[in-house]
Amino acid sequence: MKRDIFSPEHELFREGFKRFAKREIEPKIAQWNSAGISDRASWRAMGEAGYLGANMPTEYGGGGCDFLYDAIVLEELAYLRAHALQTSLHTDICMPYLLHYGSPEQKQQFLRPAISGELLLAIAMTEPGTGSDLANVQTRARRDGDSFVIDGAKTFISNGQNCDLVIVVAKTDPDAVPPHKGISLLLVPCSSPGFVRGKKLDKLGLRGQDTSEMFFDQCRVPAHNLLGQAGMGFKYLMTQLQQERLTIAISSIASCRRALDDTLDYVRQRRAFGQAIGSFQNTQFKLAELATQVEIGQSFVDQLIVRHAQGQALATEASMAKYWVTDLQKRLTSECLQLFGGYGFMLEYPISMDYADAAVQTIYAGTNEIMKLIIARRLGLG
């Protein structure tokens, strides 16, 4: 189905990025998946070419463009299966915190080099015992003169090995009532005394992404590294989650399309009982269903991309897209793998990686169960 949300300028940008990705990214994907981490030179190349922060203001080195340009980068990286290059985290999740809540000095110090690819970002929300319960984080940050001293542990932190700066979610007022009013965000350079980068975690899927533990042992940062206002951290997180969940839906539907395209190619060529397996009615029905569902998902996501770029509040719709499209991704990759038969279970066929990579999509950025709770409450049911 023809998509009509992108202008000719957007499509020129897409073609330029495709050429860049074919030259600079695609040859490295297997190496990243094997090593479990992307290389810094590729991040710098992305920044130098203007593909990090296209949606950021020009005064900090960004492109000054609309969100659709970022969406194009997300789609093309997902279609390439270049999941190791976590630009959605760096550009579309972490950068907005700096842009919207950072001081002029913080933006110059951190946002500008992040856009150039010289400084890589991560955000540390999840803790070993809290999961989605952000209001009850146990990491503490106490004021000590001109510093904050941070103690606690974080886990499942994407970009955890590569990052240079971490946005840390911590309690600055453990006695606040309700508890979420005691949460603040702190900018923690990874060179800070007391910051300990934990082990790189071994995962089922997304093998090229470095995901880590982090520890803060009397970690001291300047008081001016407070991001925004003290006690406003939970509100900031809730405000930015719309874009985070939408970016997951954007990448997820692109991954669905790649898995579907590869499966269509396979069933046209693979023969059994003297004919292509794509000629079997079961195969035709199954792929017709999946193709229809991908188009439905794409139409919904496209609508949200445009409305988000216009600045509309879409907390309900972004939650719907995140849960529905990632559920589709898990179902689609399972059905496609089945059509590959025994070859689908072999790691030399990318559909096996698609199947493993899909598993986490319904878990991070708020589980799909949490998404359904948000939707239900917005419907007046709780």
Protein backbone atom coordinates (compact mmCIF):
# COMPACT_ATOMS: atom_id res chain seq x y z
CA MET A 1 0.00 0.00 0.00
CA LYS A 2 1.32 3.44 -0.90
CA ARG A 3 2.26 5.58 2.08
CA ASP A 4 1.47 9.27 1.70
CA ILE A 5 2.85 10.83 4.87
CA PHE A 6 6.33 11.54 3.48
CA SER A 7 7.16 14.52 1.25
CA PRO A 8 9.63 14.37 -1.68
CA GLU A 9 12.22 15.88 0.69
CA HIS A 10 11.63 13.06 3.17
CA GLU A 11 12.09 10.49 0.43
CA LEU A 12 15.35 12.11 -0.73
CA PHE A 13 16.54 11.85 2.87
CA ARG A 14 15.51 8.19 2.94
CA GLU A 15 17.43 7.41 -0.24
CA GLY A 16 20.51 9.16 1.11
CA PHE A 17 20.30 7.23 4.35
CA LYS A 18 19.85 3.94 2.50
CA ARG A 19 23.07 4.57 0.58
CA PHE A 20 24.87 5.51 3.79
CA ALA A 21 23.54 2.44 5.61
CA LYS A 22 24.49 0.06 2.81
CA ARG A 23 28.03 1.42 2.87
CA GLU A 24 28.64 2.13 6.56
CA ILE A 25 26.24 -0.08 8.53
CA GLU A 26 25.17 -3.24 6.70
CA PRO A 27 28.71 -4.70 6.39
CA LYS A 28 29.14 -4.47 10.19
CA ILE A 29 25.89 -6.04 11.41
CA ALA A 30 27.20 -9.60 11.69
CA GLN A 31 30.29 -8.38 13.55
CA TRP A 32 28.16 -6.39 16.00
CA ASN A 33 25.89 -9.37 16.64
CA SER A 34 28.90 -11.56 17.31
CA ALA A 35 30.61 -9.05 19.60
CA GLY A 36 27.41 -8.02 21.36
CA ILE A 37 28.14 -4.32 20.86
CA SER A 38 28.39 -1.71 18.09
CA ASP A 39 31.57 0.26 17.39
CA ARG A 40 32.07 3.93 18.25
CA ALA A 41 33.33 4.85 14.78
CA SER A 42 29.92 4.02 13.31
CA TRP A 43 28.20 6.32 15.79
CA ARG A 44 30.55 9.13 14.83
CA ALA A 45 29.88 8.46 11.16
CA MET A 46 26.14 8.66 11.83
CA GLY A 47 26.62 11.98 13.60
CA GLU A 48 28.90 13.45 10.96
CA ALA A 49 26.38 12.54 8.24
CA GLY A 50 23.53 14.23 10.13
CA TYR A 51 21.61 11.07 11.02
CA LEU A 52 21.71 11.58 14.79
CA GLY A 53 19.44 14.36 15.92
CA ALA A 54 17.78 15.28 12.63
CA ASN A 55 14.87 16.38 14.80
CA MET A 56 17.07 18.45 17.15
CA PRO A 57 17.52 22.24 16.86
CA THR A 58 20.24 23.55 14.54
CA GLU A 59 21.75 25.66 17.34
CA TYR A 60 23.06 22.43 18.90
CA GLY A 61 24.12 20.85 15.62
CA GLY A 62 20.83 19.10 14.83
CA GLY A 63 18.99 19.13 11.55
CA GLY A 64 16.03 21.25 12.68
CA CYS A 65 13.73 18.83 10.87
CA ASP A 66 10.42 17.25 11.85
CA PHE A 67 10.02 13.89 13.57
CA LEU A 68 9.33 12.11 10.27
CA TYR A 69 13.06 12.27 9.48
CA ASP A 70 13.86 10.38 12.68
CA ALA A 71 11.11 7.88 11.85
CA ILE A 72 12.79 7.20 8.48
CA VAL A 73 16.10 6.36 10.20
CA LEU A 74 14.29 4.04 12.63
CA GLU A 75 12.46 2.25 9.82
CA GLU A 76 15.52 1.72 7.65
CA LEU A 77 17.71 0.47 10.50
CA ALA A 78 14.99 -1.96 11.60
CA TYR A 79 14.51 -3.21 8.03
CA LEU A 80 18.27 -3.84 7.81
CA ARG A 81 18.14 -5.68 11.14
CA ALA A 82 20.78 -3.22 12.43
CA HIS A 83 19.39 -3.46 15.96
CA ALA A 84 22.83 -3.02 17.51
CA LEU A 85 22.86 0.65 16.55
CA GLN A 86 20.43 1.90 19.17
CA THR A 87 19.68 5.27 17.64
CA SER A 88 16.10 5.20 18.92
CA LEU A 89 17.43 5.15 22.49
CA HIS A 90 20.16 7.73 21.89
CA THR A 91 18.27 10.13 19.61
CA ASP A 92 14.57 9.70 20.28
CA ILE A 93 14.49 8.72 23.95
CA CYS A 94 17.49 10.31 25.69
CA MET A 95 18.08 13.47 23.65
CA PRO A 96 14.57 14.87 24.28
CA TYR A 97 15.21 14.85 28.03
CA LEU A 98 18.26 17.05 27.50
CA LEU A 99 16.44 19.29 25.04
CA HIS A 100 13.27 19.82 27.08
CA TYR A 101 14.62 19.89 30.63
CA GLY A 102 18.32 20.67 30.34
CA SER A 103 19.86 24.02 31.21
CA PRO A 104 21.64 26.00 28.46
CA GLU A 105 24.94 24.82 29.94
CA GLN A 106 23.83 21.17 29.99
CA LYS A 107 22.72 21.36 26.37
CA GLN A 108 26.05 22.75 25.26
CA GLN A 109 28.00 20.25 27.37
CA PHE A 110 26.01 17.11 26.54
CA LEU A 111 23.44 17.59 23.76
CA ARG A 112 25.81 19.01 21.16
CA PRO A 113 28.36 16.13 21.36
CA ALA A 114 25.50 13.60 21.48
CA ILE A 115 24.22 14.91 18.14
CA SER A 116 27.72 14.67 16.65
CA GLY A 117 28.09 11.06 17.85
CA GLU A 118 31.02 11.84 20.14
CA LEU A 119 29.03 11.25 23.35
CA LEU A 120 26.64 8.31 23.67
CA LEU A 121 23.59 8.37 25.92
CA ALA A 122 21.71 5.91 28.08
CA ILE A 123 18.87 6.18 30.57
CA ALA A 124 18.82 4.13 33.79
CA MET A 125 15.29 3.49 34.98
CA THR A 126 14.90 -0.23 35.65
CA GLU A 127 16.17 -1.74 38.90
CA PRO A 128 16.54 -5.38 39.92
CA GLY A 129 13.47 -5.24 42.16
CA THR A 130 11.19 -2.64 40.60
CA GLY A 131 10.64 -3.37 36.90
CA SER A 132 7.77 -1.19 35.68
CA ASP A 133 7.13 0.29 39.16
CA LEU A 134 9.06 3.51 38.58
CA ALA A 135 7.46 5.31 41.51
CA ASN A 136 9.26 2.96 43.90
CA VAL A 137 12.83 3.13 42.61
CA GLN A 138 15.32 2.41 45.37
CA THR A 139 18.31 4.31 44.00
CA ARG A 140 18.95 7.28 46.28
CA ALA A 141 20.58 10.64 45.57
CA ARG A 142 21.25 12.82 48.61
CA ARG A 143 22.42 16.41 48.47
CA ASP A 144 25.88 16.95 49.96
CA GLY A 145 27.00 20.55 49.58
CA ASP A 146 27.56 21.27 45.91
CA SER A 147 27.09 17.62 44.93
CA PHE A 148 24.61 14.77 44.79
CA VAL A 149 25.79 11.41 46.12
CA ILE A 150 24.07 8.47 44.44
CA ASP A 151 23.70 4.92 45.75
CA GLY A 152 21.86 2.11 44.03
CA ALA A 153 21.77 -0.41 41.22
CA LYS A 154 20.19 -0.49 37.76
CA THR A 155 19.76 -3.32 35.30
CA PHE A 156 18.76 -3.99 31.67
CA ILE A 157 20.35 -0.68 30.63
CA SER A 158 20.59 -0.42 26.86
CA ASN A 159 23.83 1.18 25.60
CA GLY A 160 25.19 0.35 29.02
CA GLN A 161 28.71 -0.49 27.82
CA ASN A 162 29.00 2.14 25.08
CA CYS A 163 27.46 5.11 26.86
CA ASP A 164 29.35 8.14 28.15
CA LEU A 165 26.45 9.81 29.96
CA VAL A 166 23.56 8.22 31.85
CA ILE A 167 20.28 9.87 32.77
CA VAL A 168 19.69 8.30 36.19
CA VAL A 169 16.27 8.00 37.80
CA ALA A 170 16.76 8.38 41.56
CA LYS A 171 14.92 9.32 44.74
CA THR A 172 16.08 12.69 46.02
CA ASP A 173 13.31 12.76 48.63
CA PRO A 174 12.64 9.24 49.94
CA ASP A 175 9.95 10.54 52.33
CA ALA A 176 7.83 12.23 49.66
CA VAL A 177 4.09 11.48 49.65
CA PRO A 178 3.06 10.23 47.19
CA PRO A 179 6.39 8.47 46.47
CA HIS A 180 6.65 9.59 42.83
CA LYS A 181 7.06 13.22 43.95
CA GLY A 182 10.46 12.34 45.38
CA ILE A 183 11.92 11.25 42.03
CA SER A 184 14.48 13.33 40.14
CA LEU A 185 16.68 12.86 37.08
CA LEU A 186 20.45 13.26 37.32
CA LEU A 187 23.04 13.45 34.55
CA VAL A 188 25.86 11.07 35.46
CA PRO A 189 29.01 11.02 33.29
CA CYS A 190 30.43 7.50 33.26
CA SER A 191 33.77 8.94 34.43
CA SER A 192 32.16 10.00 37.73
CA PRO A 193 33.78 8.61 40.91
CA GLY A 194 31.65 5.80 42.30
CA PHE A 195 30.07 4.87 38.96
CA VAL A 196 30.60 1.18 38.23
CA ARG A 197 29.74 -0.25 34.83
CA GLY A 198 28.49 -3.78 35.43
CA LYS A 199 28.69 -6.79 33.16
CA LYS A 200 27.23 -6.92 29.68
CA LEU A 201 24.17 -9.13 29.93
CA ASP A 202 23.77 -12.19 27.69
CA LYS A 203 20.37 -12.05 26.00
CA LEU A 204 18.05 -14.28 23.99
CA GLY A 205 17.73 -11.78 21.15
CA LEU A 206 18.97 -8.37 20.02
CA ARG A 207 22.41 -9.88 20.26
CA GLY A 208 24.22 -6.82 18.94
CA GLN A 209 22.83 -4.46 21.56
CA ASP A 210 24.95 -3.94 24.65
CA THR A 211 22.66 -4.27 27.67
CA SER A 212 24.22 -3.90 31.10
CA GLU A 213 24.01 -3.63 34.83
CA MET A 214 25.09 -0.39 36.50
CA PHE A 215 26.05 0.37 40.08
CA PHE A 216 26.35 3.63 41.98
CA ASP A 217 28.55 3.41 45.07
CA GLN A 218 28.73 6.83 46.69
CA CYS A 219 28.75 8.16 43.14
CA ARG A 220 29.31 11.89 43.27
CA VAL A 221 28.14 14.36 40.61
CA PRO A 222 27.88 18.16 40.71
CA ALA A 223 24.56 19.52 41.94
CA HIS A 224 24.15 21.36 38.64
CA ASN A 225 23.84 17.94 36.96
CA LEU A 226 20.27 17.80 38.23
CA LEU A 227 18.11 17.65 35.09
CA GLY A 228 15.22 20.07 35.39
CA GLN A 229 13.66 20.48 38.82
CA ALA A 230 14.01 18.22 41.84
CA GLY A 231 10.96 16.03 42.41
CA MET A 232 9.75 16.39 38.81
CA GLY A 233 11.46 13.28 37.44
CA PHE A 234 8.37 11.09 37.36
CA LYS A 235 6.40 13.73 35.46
CA TYR A 236 9.25 14.12 32.97
CA LEU A 237 9.36 10.35 32.41
CA MET A 238 5.62 10.11 31.83
CA THR A 239 5.73 13.03 29.38
CA GLN A 240 8.49 11.48 27.26
CA LEU A 241 7.16 7.93 27.22
CA GLN A 242 4.77 8.76 24.34
CA GLN A 243 7.68 9.15 21.94
CA GLU A 244 9.53 6.15 23.34
CA ARG A 245 6.56 3.86 22.77
CA LEU A 246 5.89 5.26 19.33
CA THR A 247 9.50 4.66 18.27
CA ILE A 248 9.15 1.02 19.31
CA ALA A 249 6.01 0.70 17.19
CA ILE A 250 7.80 2.32 14.22
CA SER A 251 10.74 -0.07 14.40
CA SER A 252 8.52 -3.05 15.15
CA ILE A 253 6.28 -2.64 12.10
CA ALA A 254 9.39 -2.22 9.89
CA SER A 255 10.77 -5.46 11.34
CA CYS A 256 7.44 -7.15 10.60
CA ARG A 257 7.65 -6.03 7.00
CA ARG A 258 11.22 -7.35 6.61
CA ALA A 259 10.33 -10.76 8.05
CA LEU A 260 7.25 -10.93 5.82
CA ASP A 261 9.19 -9.90 2.69
CA ASP A 262 11.86 -12.53 3.33
CA THR A 263 9.22 -15.20 3.92
CA LEU A 264 7.42 -14.34 0.69
CA ASP A 265 10.70 -14.70 -1.20
CA TYR A 266 11.37 -18.04 0.48
CA VAL A 267 7.97 -19.64 -0.21
CA ARG A 268 8.18 -18.64 -3.88
CA GLN A 269 11.48 -20.52 -4.25
CA ARG A 270 11.21 -23.45 -1.82
CA ARG A 271 9.65 -26.53 -3.41
CA ALA A 272 7.94 -29.50 -1.82
CA PHE A 273 5.85 -32.27 -3.38
CA GLY A 274 6.83 -30.95 -6.79
CA GLN A 275 5.65 -27.36 -6.37
CA ALA A 276 6.53 -24.09 -4.67
CA ILE A 277 5.23 -24.09 -1.10
CA GLY A 278 3.76 -20.66 -1.83
CA SER A 279 1.20 -22.40 -4.03
CA PHE A 280 -0.24 -24.34 -1.07
CA GLN A 281 -3.51 -22.88 0.13
CA ASN A 282 -2.45 -22.93 3.80
CA THR A 283 0.65 -20.86 2.95
CA GLN A 284 -1.39 -18.43 0.87
CA PHE A 285 -4.03 -17.94 3.55
CA LYS A 286 -1.47 -17.45 6.30
CA LEU A 287 0.60 -14.89 4.39
CA ALA A 288 -2.52 -13.08 3.18
CA GLU A 289 -3.58 -12.68 6.81
CA LEU A 290 -0.15 -11.46 7.92
CA ALA A 291 0.22 -9.04 5.00
CA THR A 292 -3.18 -7.55 5.84
CA GLN A 293 -2.24 -7.14 9.49
CA VAL A 294 1.05 -5.43 8.57
CA GLU A 295 -0.82 -2.92 6.40
CA ILE A 296 -3.32 -2.24 9.20
CA GLY A 297 -0.48 -1.72 11.67
CA GLN A 298 1.44 0.50 9.26
CA SER A 299 -1.61 2.69 8.63
CA PHE A 300 -2.15 3.20 12.36
CA VAL A 301 1.52 3.92 13.04
CA ASP A 302 1.70 6.36 10.12
CA GLN A 303 -1.26 8.28 11.48
CA LEU A 304 0.46 8.55 14.87
CA ILE A 305 3.79 9.64 13.34
CA VAL A 306 2.07 12.61 11.70
CA ARG A 307 0.03 13.53 14.76
CA HIS A 308 3.06 13.21 17.04
CA ALA A 309 5.08 15.46 14.72
CA GLN A 310 2.26 18.01 15.05
CA GLY A 311 2.67 17.96 18.83
CA GLN A 312 -0.56 16.17 19.69
CA ALA A 313 -0.94 14.29 22.98
CA LEU A 314 -1.20 10.59 22.13
CA ALA A 315 -0.57 8.69 25.34
CA THR A 316 -3.48 6.32 24.71
CA GLU A 317 -2.81 5.80 21.02
CA ALA A 318 0.96 5.33 21.51
CA SER A 319 0.20 2.66 24.13
CA MET A 320 -2.21 1.00 21.70
CA ALA A 321 0.37 1.02 18.91
CA LYS A 322 3.15 -0.27 21.13
CA TYR A 323 1.13 -3.23 22.39
CA TRP A 324 -0.67 -4.13 19.14
CA VAL A 325 2.29 -3.91 16.79
CA THR A 326 4.72 -5.73 19.09
CA ASP A 327 2.15 -8.46 19.66
CA LEU A 328 1.87 -8.70 15.87
CA GLN A 329 5.66 -8.91 15.57
CA LYS A 330 5.82 -11.90 17.91
CA ARG A 331 2.96 -13.66 16.16
CA LEU A 332 4.21 -12.86 12.65
CA THR A 333 7.77 -14.03 13.25
CA SER A 334 6.46 -17.26 14.74
CA GLU A 335 4.19 -17.93 11.76
CA CYS A 336 6.91 -17.02 9.27
CA LEU A 337 9.46 -19.25 10.98
CA GLN A 338 6.96 -22.12 10.74
CA LEU A 339 6.77 -21.63 6.97
CA PHE A 340 10.55 -21.98 6.74
CA GLY A 341 10.24 -25.40 8.35
CA GLY A 342 13.45 -26.83 9.78
CA TYR A 343 15.50 -24.13 8.06
CA GLY A 344 13.75 -21.52 10.19
CA PHE A 345 15.36 -23.09 13.25
CA MET A 346 18.83 -22.64 11.79
CA LEU A 347 20.70 -19.48 12.76
CA GLU A 348 21.98 -19.00 9.22
CA TYR A 349 18.46 -17.95 8.27
CA PRO A 350 17.66 -14.44 9.59
CA ILE A 351 14.07 -15.40 10.39
CA SER A 352 15.43 -17.26 13.42
CA MET A 353 16.94 -14.01 14.70
CA ASP A 354 13.72 -12.15 13.93
CA TYR A 355 11.87 -14.64 16.12
CA ALA A 356 14.30 -14.19 19.03
CA ASP A 357 14.50 -10.41 18.62
CA ALA A 358 10.71 -10.07 18.77
CA ALA A 359 10.49 -11.61 22.24
CA VAL A 360 11.48 -8.47 24.17
CA GLN A 361 9.34 -6.04 22.20
CA THR A 362 6.29 -6.73 24.37
CA ILE A 363 8.35 -6.30 27.56
CA TYR A 364 10.48 -3.16 27.49
CA ALA A 365 9.28 0.48 27.61
CA GLY A 366 6.43 -0.84 29.75
CA THR A 367 5.10 -4.35 29.28
CA ASN A 368 2.09 -4.82 27.05
CA GLU A 369 0.08 -5.59 30.16
CA ILE A 370 0.96 -2.10 31.43
CA MET A 371 -0.04 -0.69 28.02
CA LYS A 372 -3.46 -2.29 28.38
CA LEU A 373 -3.84 -0.86 31.90
CA ILE A 374 -3.05 2.63 30.57
CA ILE A 375 -5.61 2.23 27.80
CA ALA A 376 -8.25 0.90 30.19
CA ARG A 377 -7.76 3.82 32.58
CA ARG A 378 -8.02 6.29 29.69
CA LEU A 379 -11.32 4.60 28.86
CA GLY A 380 -12.52 5.41 32.37
CA LEU A 381 -12.24 1.84 33.64
CA GLY A 382 -9.90 2.36 36.56
